[in-house]
Amino acid sequence: MTTYVVLLNWTEQGVKNVRESPKRLDAAKKMLGDMGGSFKHFFLTMGEYDMVAICEAPDDAVAARFAMTLGMGGNVRTRTLKAFPEAAYRELVASLG
């Protein structure tokens, strides 16, 4: 599984209906699970982003489909970062020669 950092901001619609956001989070977790992925961590954050999720997905196509489906709901905008674990980081740096 590949790890992704998903940065989320509420849209005007999403923050207007913020009381429903825990139900939307549960639905997002189920949706990603149905796609073969999972949420590893979820955080409400202060600063530039409203929320951060650490997710796993089988591949980039699943991660992209998940992000687009979230966006279609109109409650959040996402930025998705592919994350390399420390071992992969060390291997990449070592391969630089």
N, C-alpha and C. Protein backbone atom coordinates (compact mmCIF):
# COMPACT_ATOMS: atom_id res chain seq x y z
N MET A 1 0.85 -1.19 0.00
CA MET A 1 0.00 0.00 0.00
C MET A 1 0.88 1.24 0.00
N THR A 2 0.40 2.24 -0.67
CA THR A 2 1.09 3.53 -0.73
C THR A 2 0.44 4.48 0.27
N THR A 3 1.24 5.29 0.92
CA THR A 3 0.75 6.25 1.90
C THR A 3 0.56 7.61 1.23
N TYR A 4 -0.51 8.30 1.61
CA TYR A 4 -0.82 9.63 1.10
C TYR A 4 -1.17 10.54 2.26
N VAL A 5 -0.69 11.77 2.19
CA VAL A 5 -1.08 12.81 3.14
C VAL A 5 -2.13 13.64 2.42
N VAL A 6 -3.32 13.71 2.99
CA VAL A 6 -4.41 14.45 2.37
C VAL A 6 -4.68 15.70 3.22
N LEU A 7 -4.48 16.86 2.61
CA LEU A 7 -4.71 18.14 3.27
C LEU A 7 -6.09 18.61 2.84
N LEU A 8 -6.93 18.96 3.81
CA LEU A 8 -8.31 19.31 3.50
C LEU A 8 -8.70 20.68 4.05
N ASN A 9 -9.48 21.38 3.27
CA ASN A 9 -10.10 22.63 3.71
C ASN A 9 -11.59 22.54 3.45
N TRP A 10 -12.36 23.01 4.42
CA TRP A 10 -13.80 23.09 4.21
C TRP A 10 -14.11 24.15 3.17
N THR A 11 -15.09 23.88 2.36
CA THR A 11 -15.65 24.91 1.49
C THR A 11 -16.66 25.70 2.31
N GLU A 12 -17.22 26.72 1.73
CA GLU A 12 -18.27 27.48 2.42
C GLU A 12 -19.42 26.55 2.80
N GLN A 13 -19.80 25.68 1.88
CA GLN A 13 -20.87 24.70 2.15
C GLN A 13 -20.47 23.77 3.29
N GLY A 14 -19.23 23.30 3.27
CA GLY A 14 -18.78 22.35 4.29
C GLY A 14 -18.75 22.93 5.68
N VAL A 15 -18.29 24.17 5.82
CA VAL A 15 -18.23 24.77 7.15
C VAL A 15 -19.63 25.19 7.61
N LYS A 16 -20.48 25.56 6.68
CA LYS A 16 -21.86 25.91 7.04
C LYS A 16 -22.56 24.71 7.68
N ASN A 17 -22.23 23.52 7.21
CA ASN A 17 -22.83 22.28 7.71
C ASN A 17 -21.82 21.47 8.52
N VAL A 18 -20.97 22.16 9.29
CA VAL A 18 -19.88 21.50 10.00
C VAL A 18 -20.39 20.46 11.00
N ARG A 19 -21.56 20.64 11.53
CA ARG A 19 -22.09 19.65 12.49
C ARG A 19 -22.27 18.28 11.85
N GLU A 20 -22.39 18.25 10.53
CA GLU A 20 -22.53 16.98 9.82
C GLU A 20 -21.18 16.37 9.45
N SER A 21 -20.09 17.08 9.71
CA SER A 21 -18.79 16.61 9.24
C SER A 21 -18.35 15.27 9.83
N PRO A 22 -18.67 14.93 11.09
CA PRO A 22 -18.30 13.58 11.55
C PRO A 22 -18.97 12.48 10.73
N LYS A 23 -20.21 12.69 10.33
CA LYS A 23 -20.88 11.70 9.47
C LYS A 23 -20.22 11.64 8.11
N ARG A 24 -19.80 12.79 7.59
CA ARG A 24 -19.11 12.82 6.29
C ARG A 24 -17.76 12.10 6.39
N LEU A 25 -17.07 12.27 7.52
CA LEU A 25 -15.81 11.57 7.73
C LEU A 25 -16.04 10.06 7.74
N ASP A 26 -17.07 9.62 8.45
CA ASP A 26 -17.38 8.18 8.47
C ASP A 26 -17.66 7.66 7.07
N ALA A 27 -18.40 8.45 6.28
CA ALA A 27 -18.72 8.05 4.90
C ALA A 27 -17.44 8.00 4.05
N ALA A 28 -16.52 8.95 4.26
CA ALA A 28 -15.26 8.97 3.51
C ALA A 28 -14.42 7.75 3.87
N LYS A 29 -14.38 7.40 5.15
CA LYS A 29 -13.63 6.22 5.57
C LYS A 29 -14.18 4.95 4.92
N LYS A 30 -15.50 4.85 4.87
CA LYS A 30 -16.13 3.69 4.24
C LYS A 30 -15.83 3.68 2.74
N MET A 31 -15.94 4.84 2.11
CA MET A 31 -15.71 4.92 0.68
C MET A 31 -14.28 4.48 0.34
N LEU A 32 -13.29 5.00 1.07
CA LEU A 32 -11.91 4.61 0.80
C LEU A 32 -11.71 3.12 1.08
N GLY A 33 -12.33 2.64 2.14
CA GLY A 33 -12.27 1.20 2.43
C GLY A 33 -12.82 0.36 1.30
N ASP A 34 -13.94 0.79 0.74
CA ASP A 34 -14.54 0.07 -0.39
C ASP A 34 -13.64 0.10 -1.62
N MET A 35 -12.77 1.10 -1.71
CA MET A 35 -11.82 1.22 -2.82
C MET A 35 -10.54 0.42 -2.56
N GLY A 36 -10.44 -0.18 -1.38
CA GLY A 36 -9.27 -0.98 -1.05
C GLY A 36 -8.24 -0.26 -0.21
N GLY A 37 -8.57 0.95 0.26
CA GLY A 37 -7.64 1.73 1.07
C GLY A 37 -8.12 1.87 2.50
N SER A 38 -7.46 2.75 3.24
CA SER A 38 -7.87 2.99 4.63
C SER A 38 -7.30 4.31 5.14
N PHE A 39 -7.95 4.83 6.16
CA PHE A 39 -7.44 5.98 6.91
C PHE A 39 -6.55 5.42 8.01
N LYS A 40 -5.36 5.96 8.14
CA LYS A 40 -4.47 5.57 9.24
C LYS A 40 -4.57 6.58 10.38
N HIS A 41 -4.72 7.87 10.05
CA HIS A 41 -4.85 8.92 11.05
C HIS A 41 -5.71 10.03 10.47
N PHE A 42 -6.40 10.72 11.35
CA PHE A 42 -7.17 11.90 10.95
C PHE A 42 -7.00 12.95 12.03
N PHE A 43 -6.76 14.20 11.61
CA PHE A 43 -6.56 15.30 12.55
C PHE A 43 -7.37 16.51 12.14
N LEU A 44 -8.01 17.15 13.09
CA LEU A 44 -8.53 18.51 12.92
C LEU A 44 -7.33 19.40 13.21
N THR A 45 -7.06 20.37 12.33
CA THR A 45 -5.86 21.17 12.49
C THR A 45 -6.18 22.66 12.52
N MET A 46 -5.23 23.41 13.02
CA MET A 46 -5.32 24.87 13.04
C MET A 46 -4.23 25.39 12.12
N GLY A 47 -4.54 26.39 11.34
CA GLY A 47 -3.55 26.94 10.43
C GLY A 47 -4.09 26.95 9.01
N GLU A 48 -3.21 26.69 8.05
CA GLU A 48 -3.58 26.78 6.64
C GLU A 48 -4.62 25.74 6.23
N TYR A 49 -4.60 24.58 6.86
CA TYR A 49 -5.55 23.51 6.52
C TYR A 49 -6.45 23.22 7.70
N ASP A 50 -7.69 22.85 7.40
CA ASP A 50 -8.67 22.55 8.44
C ASP A 50 -8.51 21.14 9.00
N MET A 51 -8.08 20.21 8.13
CA MET A 51 -7.94 18.82 8.52
C MET A 51 -6.78 18.21 7.76
N VAL A 52 -6.20 17.15 8.35
CA VAL A 52 -5.16 16.37 7.69
C VAL A 52 -5.48 14.91 7.91
N ALA A 53 -5.41 14.14 6.84
CA ALA A 53 -5.62 12.69 6.94
C ALA A 53 -4.39 11.98 6.38
N ILE A 54 -4.00 10.92 7.04
CA ILE A 54 -2.96 10.03 6.55
C ILE A 54 -3.69 8.78 6.09
N CYS A 55 -3.61 8.51 4.80
CA CYS A 55 -4.37 7.40 4.22
C CYS A 55 -3.45 6.46 3.48
N GLU A 56 -3.93 5.25 3.26
CA GLU A 56 -3.26 4.29 2.40
C GLU A 56 -4.20 3.90 1.29
N ALA A 57 -3.64 3.71 0.11
CA ALA A 57 -4.43 3.27 -1.05
C ALA A 57 -3.57 2.32 -1.87
N PRO A 58 -4.20 1.43 -2.62
CA PRO A 58 -3.43 0.46 -3.41
C PRO A 58 -2.55 1.11 -4.48
N ASP A 59 -2.98 2.26 -5.01
CA ASP A 59 -2.19 2.92 -6.06
C ASP A 59 -2.65 4.36 -6.23
N ASP A 60 -1.94 5.09 -7.10
CA ASP A 60 -2.24 6.50 -7.32
C ASP A 60 -3.63 6.71 -7.91
N ALA A 61 -4.08 5.79 -8.76
CA ALA A 61 -5.40 5.94 -9.37
C ALA A 61 -6.50 5.90 -8.31
N VAL A 62 -6.38 5.03 -7.35
CA VAL A 62 -7.37 4.95 -6.27
C VAL A 62 -7.32 6.22 -5.44
N ALA A 63 -6.13 6.70 -5.12
CA ALA A 63 -6.00 7.94 -4.34
C ALA A 63 -6.63 9.11 -5.09
N ALA A 64 -6.39 9.18 -6.39
CA ALA A 64 -6.96 10.27 -7.20
C ALA A 64 -8.48 10.17 -7.26
N ARG A 65 -8.99 8.96 -7.46
CA ARG A 65 -10.45 8.77 -7.51
C ARG A 65 -11.09 9.15 -6.17
N PHE A 66 -10.43 8.79 -5.08
CA PHE A 66 -10.93 9.14 -3.75
C PHE A 66 -10.98 10.65 -3.57
N ALA A 67 -9.90 11.35 -3.93
CA ALA A 67 -9.86 12.81 -3.78
C ALA A 67 -10.91 13.48 -4.65
N MET A 68 -11.07 13.01 -5.88
CA MET A 68 -12.07 13.61 -6.77
C MET A 68 -13.48 13.37 -6.25
N THR A 69 -13.73 12.18 -5.73
CA THR A 69 -15.05 11.88 -5.19
C THR A 69 -15.36 12.75 -3.98
N LEU A 70 -14.36 12.95 -3.12
CA LEU A 70 -14.55 13.86 -1.98
C LEU A 70 -14.91 15.26 -2.47
N GLY A 71 -14.17 15.75 -3.45
CA GLY A 71 -14.41 17.09 -3.99
C GLY A 71 -15.80 17.23 -4.61
N MET A 72 -16.28 16.16 -5.23
CA MET A 72 -17.61 16.22 -5.86
C MET A 72 -18.72 16.49 -4.85
N GLY A 73 -18.48 16.13 -3.57
CA GLY A 73 -19.49 16.37 -2.54
C GLY A 73 -19.67 17.84 -2.22
N GLY A 74 -18.68 18.66 -2.56
CA GLY A 74 -18.78 20.09 -2.37
C GLY A 74 -18.49 20.59 -0.97
N ASN A 75 -18.07 19.70 -0.07
CA ASN A 75 -17.83 20.12 1.32
C ASN A 75 -16.36 20.40 1.63
N VAL A 76 -15.47 19.82 0.85
CA VAL A 76 -14.04 20.01 1.08
C VAL A 76 -13.30 20.16 -0.24
N ARG A 77 -12.15 20.80 -0.13
CA ARG A 77 -11.16 20.82 -1.22
C ARG A 77 -9.94 20.08 -0.67
N THR A 78 -9.29 19.32 -1.53
CA THR A 78 -8.17 18.50 -1.07
C THR A 78 -6.89 18.82 -1.81
N ARG A 79 -5.79 18.52 -1.15
CA ARG A 79 -4.46 18.46 -1.75
C ARG A 79 -3.88 17.15 -1.27
N THR A 80 -3.45 16.34 -2.20
CA THR A 80 -2.95 15.01 -1.86
C THR A 80 -1.47 14.91 -2.16
N LEU A 81 -0.72 14.45 -1.17
CA LEU A 81 0.72 14.28 -1.29
C LEU A 81 1.06 12.80 -1.18
N LYS A 82 1.80 12.29 -2.13
CA LYS A 82 2.29 10.91 -2.03
C LYS A 82 3.44 10.92 -1.04
N ALA A 83 3.41 10.02 -0.07
CA ALA A 83 4.42 10.00 0.99
C ALA A 83 5.30 8.76 0.88
N PHE A 84 6.60 8.97 0.97
CA PHE A 84 7.56 7.88 0.95
C PHE A 84 8.01 7.60 2.38
N PRO A 85 7.95 6.37 2.84
CA PRO A 85 8.40 6.07 4.20
C PRO A 85 9.91 6.25 4.32
N GLU A 86 10.39 6.27 5.55
CA GLU A 86 11.81 6.54 5.79
C GLU A 86 12.72 5.57 5.04
N ALA A 87 12.38 4.31 5.02
CA ALA A 87 13.23 3.33 4.33
C ALA A 87 13.35 3.66 2.84
N ALA A 88 12.24 4.03 2.22
CA ALA A 88 12.28 4.40 0.80
C ALA A 88 13.08 5.68 0.60
N TYR A 89 12.92 6.62 1.50
CA TYR A 89 13.71 7.86 1.44
C TYR A 89 15.19 7.55 1.47
N ARG A 90 15.61 6.72 2.41
CA ARG A 90 17.03 6.38 2.54
C ARG A 90 17.53 5.65 1.29
N GLU A 91 16.72 4.78 0.74
CA GLU A 91 17.09 4.05 -0.47
C GLU A 91 17.23 5.00 -1.65
N LEU A 92 16.31 5.95 -1.78
CA LEU A 92 16.39 6.92 -2.87
C LEU A 92 17.64 7.78 -2.76
N VAL A 93 17.92 8.25 -1.56
CA VAL A 93 19.11 9.09 -1.37
C VAL A 93 20.38 8.29 -1.65
N ALA A 94 20.42 7.04 -1.18
CA ALA A 94 21.59 6.20 -1.40
C ALA A 94 21.82 5.92 -2.89
N SER A 95 20.77 5.91 -3.66
CA SER A 95 20.88 5.60 -5.09
C SER A 95 21.37 6.77 -5.92
N LEU A 96 21.54 7.94 -5.29
CA LEU A 96 21.96 9.12 -6.03
C LEU A 96 23.40 9.04 -6.52
N GLY A 97 24.20 8.20 -5.90
CA GLY A 97 25.56 7.97 -6.37
C GLY A 97 26.58 8.96 -5.98
